[in-house]
Amino acid sequence: MKKVSASDSNNSYKRLVNAAADKKKSEKLELARGCVAIYVGQERKRYQVPLIYLSLPNFQQLINTSQEDVFDVKIDGPITLACPTHTFEQLLKIAKKTMHY
């Protein structure tokens, strides 16, 4: 029988905590196939949006108005939209109806 010291149990606990945090982090970052993550509003609420929705004029207009610099064509970081979350959710409902005849 192996004797367990206090330092062994602390290390085991830290490994469990780190493993749980890594799992939570990876679950948070996973996206459904064909979707893109968009962060909305001041609270940066994360939404999974089907890529096809981005072709809709309402989405394109919202993305264009949320860009800081019209001439900056590179994306540096996640897509972030500066609109209230309730407005974005209404746009998602409209897009769903539009795309699913």
PDB file of N, CA and C in Angstrom:
ATOM      1  N   MET A   1       0.849  -1.164   0.000  1.00  0.00           N
ATOM      2  CA  MET A   1       0.000   0.000   0.000  1.00  0.00           C
ATOM      3  C   MET A   1       0.901   1.235   0.000  1.00  0.00           C
ATOM      4  N   LYS A   2       0.537   2.222  -0.847  1.00  0.00           N
ATOM      5  CA  LYS A   2       1.333   3.439  -0.979  1.00  0.00           C
ATOM      6  C   LYS A   2       0.838   4.477   0.017  1.00  0.00           C
ATOM      7  N   LYS A   3       1.783   5.101   0.657  1.00  0.00           N
ATOM      8  CA  LYS A   3       1.452   6.165   1.593  1.00  0.00           C
ATOM      9  C   LYS A   3       1.284   7.465   0.809  1.00  0.00           C
ATOM     10  N   VAL A   4       0.184   8.160   1.057  1.00  0.00           N
ATOM     11  CA  VAL A   4      -0.117   9.406   0.358  1.00  0.00           C
ATOM     12  C   VAL A   4       0.247  10.573   1.263  1.00  0.00           C
ATOM     13  N   SER A   5       1.082  11.435   0.740  1.00  0.00           N
ATOM     14  CA  SER A   5       1.467  12.611   1.516  1.00  0.00           C
ATOM     15  C   SER A   5       0.560  13.779   1.153  1.00  0.00           C
ATOM     16  N   ALA A   6       0.636  14.837   1.940  1.00  0.00           N
ATOM     17  CA  ALA A   6      -0.195  16.029   1.707  1.00  0.00           C
ATOM     18  C   ALA A   6       0.146  16.669   0.369  1.00  0.00           C
ATOM     19  N   SER A   7       1.426  16.665  -0.013  1.00  0.00           N
ATOM     20  CA  SER A   7       1.813  17.288  -1.276  1.00  0.00           C
ATOM     21  C   SER A   7       1.273  16.499  -2.463  1.00  0.00           C
ATOM     22  N   ASP A   8       1.202  15.157  -2.338  1.00  0.00           N
ATOM     23  CA  ASP A   8       0.629  14.344  -3.407  1.00  0.00           C
ATOM     24  C   ASP A   8      -0.847  14.675  -3.617  1.00  0.00           C
ATOM     25  N   SER A   9      -1.574  14.825  -2.526  1.00  0.00           N
ATOM     26  CA  SER A   9      -2.999  15.117  -2.658  1.00  0.00           C
ATOM     27  C   SER A   9      -3.226  16.523  -3.212  1.00  0.00           C
ATOM     28  N   ASN A  10      -2.359  17.475  -2.850  1.00  0.00           N
ATOM     29  CA  ASN A  10      -2.469  18.830  -3.412  1.00  0.00           C
ATOM     30  C   ASN A  10      -2.218  18.814  -4.914  1.00  0.00           C
ATOM     31  N   ASN A  11      -1.199  18.062  -5.335  1.00  0.00           N
ATOM     32  CA  ASN A  11      -0.896  17.974  -6.766  1.00  0.00           C
ATOM     33  C   ASN A  11      -2.036  17.311  -7.526  1.00  0.00           C
ATOM     34  N   SER A  12      -2.617  16.265  -6.937  1.00  0.00           N
ATOM     35  CA  SER A  12      -3.747  15.590  -7.581  1.00  0.00           C
ATOM     36  C   SER A  12      -4.925  16.544  -7.720  1.00  0.00           C
ATOM     37  N   TYR A  13      -5.175  17.307  -6.683  1.00  0.00           N
ATOM     38  CA  TYR A  13      -6.277  18.269  -6.716  1.00  0.00           C
ATOM     39  C   TYR A  13      -6.031  19.324  -7.797  1.00  0.00           C
ATOM     40  N   LYS A  14      -4.802  19.827  -7.877  1.00  0.00           N
ATOM     41  CA  LYS A  14      -4.482  20.840  -8.889  1.00  0.00           C
ATOM     42  C   LYS A  14      -4.656  20.283 -10.291  1.00  0.00           C
ATOM     43  N   ARG A  15      -4.259  19.020 -10.489  1.00  0.00           N
ATOM     44  CA  ARG A  15      -4.434  18.404 -11.813  1.00  0.00           C
ATOM     45  C   ARG A  15      -5.916  18.287 -12.160  1.00  0.00           C
ATOM     46  N   LEU A  16      -6.728  17.909 -11.186  1.00  0.00           N
ATOM     47  CA  LEU A  16      -8.170  17.804 -11.428  1.00  0.00           C
ATOM     48  C   LEU A  16      -8.787  19.157 -11.760  1.00  0.00           C
ATOM     49  N   VAL A  17      -8.398  20.177 -11.022  1.00  0.00           N
ATOM     50  CA  VAL A  17      -8.915  21.528 -11.259  1.00  0.00           C
ATOM     51  C   VAL A  17      -8.496  22.008 -12.637  1.00  0.00           C
ATOM     52  N   ASN A  18      -7.215  21.792 -12.992  1.00  0.00           N
ATOM     53  CA  ASN A  18      -6.724  22.222 -14.305  1.00  0.00           C
ATOM     54  C   ASN A  18      -7.419  21.463 -15.424  1.00  0.00           C
ATOM     55  N   ALA A  19      -7.644  20.166 -15.241  1.00  0.00           N
ATOM     56  CA  ALA A  19      -8.322  19.364 -16.251  1.00  0.00           C
ATOM     57  C   ALA A  19      -9.757  19.853 -16.445  1.00  0.00           C
ATOM     58  N   ALA A  20     -10.432  20.173 -15.355  1.00  0.00           N
ATOM     59  CA  ALA A  20     -11.803  20.677 -15.443  1.00  0.00           C
ATOM     60  C   ALA A  20     -11.835  22.027 -16.154  1.00  0.00           C
ATOM     61  N   ALA A  21     -10.878  22.885 -15.854  1.00  0.00           N
ATOM     62  CA  ALA A  21     -10.816  24.203 -16.499  1.00  0.00           C
ATOM     63  C   ALA A  21     -10.521  24.058 -17.990  1.00  0.00           C
ATOM     64  N   ASP A  22      -9.604  23.142 -18.344  1.00  0.00           N
ATOM     65  CA  ASP A  22      -9.292  22.913 -19.751  1.00  0.00           C
ATOM     66  C   ASP A  22     -10.501  22.381 -20.508  1.00  0.00           C
ATOM     67  N   LYS A  23     -11.258  21.471 -19.883  1.00  0.00           N
ATOM     68  CA  LYS A  23     -12.445  20.917 -20.520  1.00  0.00           C
ATOM     69  C   LYS A  23     -13.483  22.013 -20.742  1.00  0.00           C
ATOM     70  N   LYS A  24     -13.679  22.850 -19.733  1.00  0.00           N
ATOM     71  CA  LYS A  24     -14.650  23.934 -19.838  1.00  0.00           C
ATOM     72  C   LYS A  24     -14.239  24.909 -20.942  1.00  0.00           C
ATOM     73  N   LYS A  25     -12.941  25.213 -21.010  1.00  0.00           N
ATOM     74  CA  LYS A  25     -12.426  26.133 -22.014  1.00  0.00           C
ATOM     75  C   LYS A  25     -12.628  25.559 -23.414  1.00  0.00           C
ATOM     76  N   SER A  26     -12.332  24.259 -23.599  1.00  0.00           N
ATOM     77  CA  SER A  26     -12.481  23.655 -24.923  1.00  0.00           C
ATOM     78  C   SER A  26     -13.948  23.556 -25.317  1.00  0.00           C
ATOM     79  N   GLU A  27     -14.847  23.275 -24.367  1.00  0.00           N
ATOM     80  CA  GLU A  27     -16.272  23.239 -24.676  1.00  0.00           C
ATOM     81  C   GLU A  27     -16.762  24.606 -25.103  1.00  0.00           C
ATOM     82  N   LYS A  28     -16.240  25.630 -24.467  1.00  0.00           N
ATOM     83  CA  LYS A  28     -16.658  26.996 -24.746  1.00  0.00           C
ATOM     84  C   LYS A  28     -16.241  27.415 -26.154  1.00  0.00           C
ATOM     85  N   LEU A  29     -15.095  26.933 -26.620  1.00  0.00           N
ATOM     86  CA  LEU A  29     -14.568  27.366 -27.899  1.00  0.00           C
ATOM     87  C   LEU A  29     -15.058  26.534 -29.080  1.00  0.00           C
ATOM     88  N   GLU A  30     -15.691  25.391 -28.831  1.00  0.00           N
ATOM     89  CA  GLU A  30     -16.160  24.555 -29.914  1.00  0.00           C
ATOM     90  C   GLU A  30     -17.321  25.219 -30.643  1.00  0.00           C
ATOM     91  N   LEU A  31     -17.305  25.033 -31.956  1.00  0.00           N
ATOM     92  CA  LEU A  31     -18.373  25.566 -32.792  1.00  0.00           C
ATOM     93  C   LEU A  31     -18.978  24.438 -33.605  1.00  0.00           C
ATOM     94  N   ALA A  32     -20.255  24.541 -33.876  1.00  0.00           N
ATOM     95  CA  ALA A  32     -20.905  23.593 -34.769  1.00  0.00           C
ATOM     96  C   ALA A  32     -20.345  23.800 -36.172  1.00  0.00           C
ATOM     97  N   ARG A  33     -20.324  22.735 -36.940  1.00  0.00           N
ATOM     98  CA  ARG A  33     -19.812  22.815 -38.305  1.00  0.00           C
ATOM     99  C   ARG A  33     -20.652  23.807 -39.114  1.00  0.00           C
ATOM    100  N   GLY A  34     -19.975  24.680 -39.850  1.00  0.00           N
ATOM    101  CA  GLY A  34     -20.659  25.658 -40.674  1.00  0.00           C
ATOM    102  C   GLY A  34     -21.109  26.898 -39.924  1.00  0.00           C
ATOM    103  N   CYS A  35     -20.602  27.067 -38.695  1.00  0.00           N
ATOM    104  CA  CYS A  35     -20.977  28.234 -37.884  1.00  0.00           C
ATOM    105  C   CYS A  35     -19.752  29.082 -37.568  1.00  0.00           C
ATOM    106  N   VAL A  36     -20.017  30.302 -37.184  1.00  0.00           N
ATOM    107  CA  VAL A  36     -18.971  31.228 -36.767  1.00  0.00           C
ATOM    108  C   VAL A  36     -19.401  31.842 -35.437  1.00  0.00           C
ATOM    109  N   ALA A  37     -18.422  32.132 -34.586  1.00  0.00           N
ATOM    110  CA  ALA A  37     -18.714  32.765 -33.298  1.00  0.00           C
ATOM    111  C   ALA A  37     -18.758  34.280 -33.490  1.00  0.00           C
ATOM    112  N   ILE A  38     -19.790  34.876 -32.934  1.00  0.00           N
ATOM    113  CA  ILE A  38     -19.930  36.334 -32.972  1.00  0.00           C
ATOM    114  C   ILE A  38     -20.219  36.796 -31.553  1.00  0.00           C
ATOM    115  N   TYR A  39     -19.463  37.812 -31.116  1.00  0.00           N
ATOM    116  CA  TYR A  39     -19.652  38.388 -29.784  1.00  0.00           C
ATOM    117  C   TYR A  39     -20.443  39.676 -29.939  1.00  0.00           C
ATOM    118  N   VAL A  40     -21.493  39.822 -29.112  1.00  0.00           N
ATOM    119  CA  VAL A  40     -22.434  40.928 -29.304  1.00  0.00           C
ATOM    120  C   VAL A  40     -22.582  41.746 -28.032  1.00  0.00           C
ATOM    121  N   GLY A  41     -22.652  43.060 -28.223  1.00  0.00           N
ATOM    122  CA  GLY A  41     -22.948  43.983 -27.128  1.00  0.00           C
ATOM    123  C   GLY A  41     -21.775  44.235 -26.202  1.00  0.00           C
ATOM    124  N   GLN A  42     -22.038  45.075 -25.210  1.00  0.00           N
ATOM    125  CA  GLN A  42     -21.005  45.425 -24.239  1.00  0.00           C
ATOM    126  C   GLN A  42     -20.600  44.225 -23.399  1.00  0.00           C
ATOM    127  N   GLU A  43     -21.543  43.317 -23.150  1.00  0.00           N
ATOM    128  CA  GLU A  43     -21.240  42.135 -22.345  1.00  0.00           C
ATOM    129  C   GLU A  43     -20.549  41.048 -23.166  1.00  0.00           C
ATOM    130  N   ARG A  44     -20.424  41.266 -24.482  1.00  0.00           N
ATOM    131  CA  ARG A  44     -19.767  40.333 -25.401  1.00  0.00           C
ATOM    132  C   ARG A  44     -20.361  38.924 -25.295  1.00  0.00           C
ATOM    133  N   LYS A  45     -21.678  38.853 -25.376  1.00  0.00           N
ATOM    134  CA  LYS A  45     -22.360  37.553 -25.354  1.00  0.00           C
ATOM    135  C   LYS A  45     -22.016  36.805 -26.647  1.00  0.00           C
ATOM    136  N   ARG A  46     -21.684  35.531 -26.500  1.00  0.00           N
ATOM    137  CA  ARG A  46     -21.221  34.728 -27.633  1.00  0.00           C
ATOM    138  C   ARG A  46     -22.392  33.989 -28.275  1.00  0.00           C
ATOM    139  N   TYR A  47     -22.485  34.097 -29.605  1.00  0.00           N
ATOM    140  CA  TYR A  47     -23.498  33.406 -30.384  1.00  0.00           C
ATOM    141  C   TYR A  47     -22.812  32.550 -31.439  1.00  0.00           C
ATOM    142  N   GLN A  48     -23.413  31.405 -31.749  1.00  0.00           N
ATOM    143  CA  GLN A  48     -22.982  30.597 -32.886  1.00  0.00           C
ATOM    144  C   GLN A  48     -23.940  30.893 -34.023  1.00  0.00           C
ATOM    145  N   VAL A  49     -23.409  31.426 -35.095  1.00  0.00           N
ATOM    146  CA  VAL A  49     -24.241  31.853 -36.217  1.00  0.00           C
ATOM    147  C   VAL A  49     -23.851  31.056 -37.455  1.00  0.00           C
ATOM    148  N   PRO A  50     -24.824  30.469 -38.150  1.00  0.00           N
ATOM    149  CA  PRO A  50     -24.511  29.783 -39.403  1.00  0.00           C
ATOM    150  C   PRO A  50     -23.871  30.751 -40.400  1.00  0.00           C
ATOM    151  N   LEU A  51     -22.850  30.284 -41.086  1.00  0.00           N
ATOM    152  CA  LEU A  51     -22.134  31.137 -42.039  1.00  0.00           C
ATOM    153  C   LEU A  51     -23.060  31.709 -43.107  1.00  0.00           C
ATOM    154  N   ILE A  52     -24.050  30.953 -43.513  1.00  0.00           N
ATOM    155  CA  ILE A  52     -24.961  31.402 -44.558  1.00  0.00           C
ATOM    156  C   ILE A  52     -25.695  32.686 -44.168  1.00  0.00           C
ATOM    157  N   TYR A  53     -25.907  32.879 -42.864  1.00  0.00           N
ATOM    158  CA  TYR A  53     -26.586  34.093 -42.399  1.00  0.00           C
ATOM    159  C   TYR A  53     -25.765  35.349 -42.726  1.00  0.00           C
ATOM    160  N   LEU A  54     -24.459  35.204 -42.797  1.00  0.00           N
ATOM    161  CA  LEU A  54     -23.599  36.367 -43.043  1.00  0.00           C
ATOM    162  C   LEU A  54     -23.782  36.930 -44.451  1.00  0.00           C
ATOM    163  N   SER A  55     -24.410  36.173 -45.334  1.00  0.00           N
ATOM    164  CA  SER A  55     -24.657  36.669 -46.687  1.00  0.00           C
ATOM    165  C   SER A  55     -25.908  37.544 -46.769  1.00  0.00           C
ATOM    166  N   LEU A  56     -26.705  37.545 -45.717  1.00  0.00           N
ATOM    167  CA  LEU A  56     -27.927  38.353 -45.707  1.00  0.00           C
ATOM    168  C   LEU A  56     -27.593  39.842 -45.564  1.00  0.00           C
ATOM    169  N   PRO A  57     -28.314  40.701 -46.282  1.00  0.00           N
ATOM    170  CA  PRO A  57     -28.034  42.143 -46.239  1.00  0.00           C
ATOM    171  C   PRO A  57     -28.076  42.744 -44.834  1.00  0.00           C
ATOM    172  N   ASN A  58     -29.007  42.292 -43.981  1.00  0.00           N
ATOM    173  CA  ASN A  58     -29.086  42.836 -42.619  1.00  0.00           C
ATOM    174  C   ASN A  58     -27.823  42.541 -41.818  1.00  0.00           C
ATOM    175  N   PHE A  59     -27.309  41.332 -41.964  1.00  0.00           N
ATOM    176  CA  PHE A  59     -26.074  40.977 -41.263  1.00  0.00           C
ATOM    177  C   PHE A  59     -24.901  41.777 -41.808  1.00  0.00           C
ATOM    178  N   GLN A  60     -24.812  41.900 -43.110  1.00  0.00           N
ATOM    179  CA  GLN A  60     -23.714  42.651 -43.714  1.00  0.00           C
ATOM    180  C   GLN A  60     -23.730  44.111 -43.272  1.00  0.00           C
ATOM    181  N   GLN A  61     -24.916  44.681 -43.202  1.00  0.00           N
ATOM    182  CA  GLN A  61     -25.047  46.070 -42.763  1.00  0.00           C
ATOM    183  C   GLN A  61     -24.600  46.208 -41.305  1.00  0.00           C
ATOM    184  N   LEU A  62     -25.017  45.278 -40.459  1.00  0.00           N
ATOM    185  CA  LEU A  62     -24.640  45.323 -39.044  1.00  0.00           C
ATOM    186  C   LEU A  62     -23.132  45.171 -38.870  1.00  0.00           C
ATOM    187  N   ILE A  63     -22.528  44.271 -39.615  1.00  0.00           N
ATOM    188  CA  ILE A  63     -21.075  44.078 -39.538  1.00  0.00           C
ATOM    189  C   ILE A  63     -20.354  45.333 -40.009  1.00  0.00           C
ATOM    190  N   ASN A  64     -20.819  45.921 -41.109  1.00  0.00           N
ATOM    191  CA  ASN A  64     -20.177  47.138 -41.620  1.00  0.00           C
ATOM    192  C   ASN A  64     -20.268  48.298 -40.641  1.00  0.00           C
ATOM    193  N   THR A  65     -21.400  48.440 -39.967  1.00  0.00           N
ATOM    194  CA  THR A  65     -21.541  49.543 -39.017  1.00  0.00           C
ATOM    195  C   THR A  65     -20.746  49.301 -37.735  1.00  0.00           C
ATOM    196  N   SER A  66     -20.403  48.048 -37.460  1.00  0.00           N
ATOM    197  CA  SER A  66     -19.646  47.729 -36.249  1.00  0.00           C
ATOM    198  C   SER A  66     -18.138  47.807 -36.442  1.00  0.00           C
ATOM    199  N   GLN A  67     -17.694  47.952 -37.695  1.00  0.00           N
ATOM    200  CA  GLN A  67     -16.262  48.040 -37.955  1.00  0.00           C
ATOM    201  C   GLN A  67     -15.759  49.418 -37.558  1.00  0.00           C
ATOM    202  N   GLU A  68     -14.576  49.415 -36.934  1.00  0.00           N
ATOM    203  CA  GLU A  68     -13.984  50.687 -36.518  1.00  0.00           C
ATOM    204  C   GLU A  68     -13.460  51.473 -37.706  1.00  0.00           C
ATOM    205  N   ASP A  69     -12.787  50.791 -38.617  1.00  0.00           N
ATOM    206  CA  ASP A  69     -12.167  51.452 -39.756  1.00  0.00           C
ATOM    207  C   ASP A  69     -12.646  50.764 -41.030  1.00  0.00           C
ATOM    208  N   VAL A  70     -13.317  51.500 -41.887  1.00  0.00           N
ATOM    209  CA  VAL A  70     -13.868  50.937 -43.116  1.00  0.00           C
ATOM    210  C   VAL A  70     -12.773  50.385 -44.017  1.00  0.00           C
ATOM    211  N   PHE A  71     -11.576  50.961 -43.967  1.00  0.00           N
ATOM    212  CA  PHE A  71     -10.505  50.560 -44.866  1.00  0.00           C
ATOM    213  C   PHE A  71      -9.636  49.435 -44.317  1.00  0.00           C
ATOM    214  N   ASP A  72      -9.889  48.985 -43.106  1.00  0.00           N
ATOM    215  CA  ASP A  72      -9.125  47.900 -42.500  1.00  0.00           C
ATOM    216  C   ASP A  72      -9.769  46.580 -42.890  1.00  0.00           C
ATOM    217  N   VAL A  73      -9.102  45.820 -43.776  1.00  0.00           N
ATOM    218  CA  VAL A  73      -9.706  44.605 -44.298  1.00  0.00           C
ATOM    219  C   VAL A  73      -9.332  43.355 -43.516  1.00  0.00           C
ATOM    220  N   LYS A  74      -8.348  43.417 -42.647  1.00  0.00           N
ATOM    221  CA  LYS A  74      -7.974  42.224 -41.899  1.00  0.00           C
ATOM    222  C   LYS A  74      -8.797  42.123 -40.617  1.00  0.00           C
ATOM    223  N   ILE A  75      -9.053  40.881 -40.215  1.00  0.00           N
ATOM    224  CA  ILE A  75      -9.774  40.638 -38.973  1.00  0.00           C
ATOM    225  C   ILE A  75      -8.739  40.274 -37.919  1.00  0.00           C
ATOM    226  N   ASP A  76      -8.725  41.029 -36.854  1.00  0.00           N
ATOM    227  CA  ASP A  76      -7.772  40.796 -35.770  1.00  0.00           C
ATOM    228  C   ASP A  76      -8.558  40.403 -34.531  1.00  0.00           C
ATOM    229  N   GLY A  77      -8.804  39.109 -34.376  1.00  0.00           N
ATOM    230  CA  GLY A  77      -9.568  38.631 -33.237  1.00  0.00           C
ATOM    231  C   GLY A  77     -10.958  38.214 -33.647  1.00  0.00           C
ATOM    232  N   PRO A  78     -11.817  37.980 -32.682  1.00  0.00           N
ATOM    233  CA  PRO A  78     -13.170  37.497 -32.979  1.00  0.00           C
ATOM    234  C   PRO A  78     -14.050  38.591 -33.587  1.00  0.00           C
ATOM    235  N   ILE A  79     -15.112  38.153 -34.251  1.00  0.00           N
ATOM    236  CA  ILE A  79     -16.091  39.100 -34.795  1.00  0.00           C
ATOM    237  C   ILE A  79     -16.889  39.653 -33.621  1.00  0.00           C
ATOM    238  N   THR A  80     -16.885  40.965 -33.491  1.00  0.00           N
ATOM    239  CA  THR A  80     -17.588  41.627 -32.401  1.00  0.00           C
ATOM    240  C   THR A  80     -18.533  42.662 -32.991  1.00  0.00           C
ATOM    241  N   LEU A  81     -19.784  42.629 -32.561  1.00  0.00           N
ATOM    242  CA  LEU A  81     -20.777  43.574 -33.053  1.00  0.00           C
ATOM    243  C   LEU A  81     -21.224  44.486 -31.923  1.00  0.00           C
ATOM    244  N   ALA A  82     -21.308  45.759 -32.235  1.00  0.00           N
ATOM    245  CA  ALA A  82     -21.675  46.761 -31.229  1.00  0.00           C
ATOM    246  C   ALA A  82     -23.163  47.076 -31.314  1.00  0.00           C
ATOM    247  N   CYS A  83     -23.977  46.094 -30.990  1.00  0.00           N
ATOM    248  CA  CYS A  83     -25.416  46.326 -30.938  1.00  0.00           C
ATOM    249  C   CYS A  83     -25.958  45.609 -29.704  1.00  0.00           C
ATOM    250  N   PRO A  84     -27.104  45.999 -29.226  1.00  0.00           N
ATOM    251  CA  PRO A  84     -27.688  45.305 -28.068  1.00  0.00           C
ATOM    252  C   PRO A  84     -28.011  43.847 -28.415  1.00  0.00           C
ATOM    253  N   THR A  85     -27.906  42.976 -27.427  1.00  0.00           N
ATOM    254  CA  THR A  85     -28.140  41.555 -27.664  1.00  0.00           C
ATOM    255  C   THR A  85     -29.577  41.287 -28.104  1.00  0.00           C
ATOM    256  N   HIS A  86     -30.543  42.032 -27.563  1.00  0.00           N
ATOM    257  CA  HIS A  86     -31.936  41.786 -27.965  1.00  0.00           C
ATOM    258  C   HIS A  86     -32.161  42.133 -29.439  1.00  0.00           C
ATOM    259  N   THR A  87     -31.475  43.141 -29.945  1.00  0.00           N
ATOM    260  CA  THR A  87     -31.565  43.498 -31.361  1.00  0.00           C
ATOM    261  C   THR A  87     -30.966  42.390 -32.217  1.00  0.00           C
ATOM    262  N   PHE A  88     -29.820  41.857 -31.780  1.00  0.00           N
ATOM    263  CA  PHE A  88     -29.170  40.787 -32.524  1.00  0.00           C
ATOM    264  C   PHE A  88     -30.036  39.528 -32.529  1.00  0.00           C
ATOM    265  N   GLU A  89     -30.676  39.230 -31.416  1.00  0.00           N
ATOM    266  CA  GLU A  89     -31.544  38.055 -31.343  1.00  0.00           C
ATOM    267  C   GLU A  89     -32.746  38.186 -32.275  1.00  0.00           C
ATOM    268  N   GLN A  90     -33.282  39.398 -32.421  1.00  0.00           N
ATOM    269  CA  GLN A  90     -34.367  39.627 -33.379  1.00  0.00           C
ATOM    270  C   GLN A  90     -33.873  39.405 -34.810  1.00  0.00           C
ATOM    271  N   LEU A  91     -32.655  39.857 -35.083  1.00  0.00           N
ATOM    272  CA  LEU A  91     -32.059  39.662 -36.399  1.00  0.00           C
ATOM    273  C   LEU A  91     -31.867  38.170 -36.688  1.00  0.00           C
ATOM    274  N   LEU A  92     -31.469  37.410 -35.672  1.00  0.00           N
ATOM    275  CA  LEU A  92     -31.321  35.957 -35.840  1.00  0.00           C
ATOM    276  C   LEU A  92     -32.657  35.303 -36.173  1.00  0.00           C
ATOM    277  N   LYS A  93     -33.732  35.732 -35.520  1.00  0.00           N
ATOM    278  CA  LYS A  93     -35.064  35.175 -35.794  1.00  0.00           C
ATOM    279  C   LYS A  93     -35.483  35.460 -37.237  1.00  0.00           C
ATOM    280  N   ILE A  94     -35.241  36.667 -37.692  1.00  0.00           N
ATOM    281  CA  ILE A  94     -35.571  37.052 -39.067  1.00  0.00           C
ATOM    282  C   ILE A  94     -34.744  36.219 -40.044  1.00  0.00           C
ATOM    283  N   ALA A  95     -33.465  36.063 -39.746  1.00  0.00           N
ATOM    284  CA  ALA A  95     -32.580  35.298 -40.627  1.00  0.00           C
ATOM    285  C   ALA A  95     -33.025  33.840 -40.702  1.00  0.00           C
ATOM    286  N   LYS A  96     -33.425  33.291 -39.573  1.00  0.00           N
ATOM    287  CA  LYS A  96     -33.874  31.888 -39.551  1.00  0.00           C
ATOM    288  C   LYS A  96     -35.123  31.718 -40.429  1.00  0.00           C
ATOM    289  N   LYS A  97     -36.062  32.647 -40.320  1.00  0.00           N
ATOM    290  CA  LYS A  97     -37.273  32.585 -41.140  1.00  0.00           C
ATOM    291  C   LYS A  97     -36.929  32.743 -42.622  1.00  0.00           C
ATOM    292  N   THR A  98     -36.002  33.636 -42.923  1.00  0.00           N
ATOM    293  CA  THR A  98     -35.611  33.907 -44.303  1.00  0.00           C
ATOM    294  C   THR A  98     -34.922  32.704 -44.932  1.00  0.00           C
ATOM    295  N   MET A  99     -34.059  32.050 -44.180  1.00  0.00           N
ATOM    296  CA  MET A  99     -33.260  30.968 -44.732  1.00  0.00           C
ATOM    297  C   MET A  99     -34.007  29.629 -44.729  1.00  0.00           C
ATOM    298  N   HIS A 100     -35.066  29.509 -43.941  1.00  0.00           N
ATOM    299  CA  HIS A 100     -35.812  28.251 -43.844  1.00  0.00           C
ATOM    300  C   HIS A 100     -37.232  28.408 -44.369  1.00  0.00           C
ATOM    301  N   TYR A 101     -37.365  29.005 -45.479  1.00  0.00           N
ATOM    302  CA  TYR A 101     -38.632  29.269 -46.159  1.00  0.00           C
ATOM    303  C   TYR A 101     -39.761  28.706 -45.402  1.00  0.00           C
TER     304      TYR A 101
END
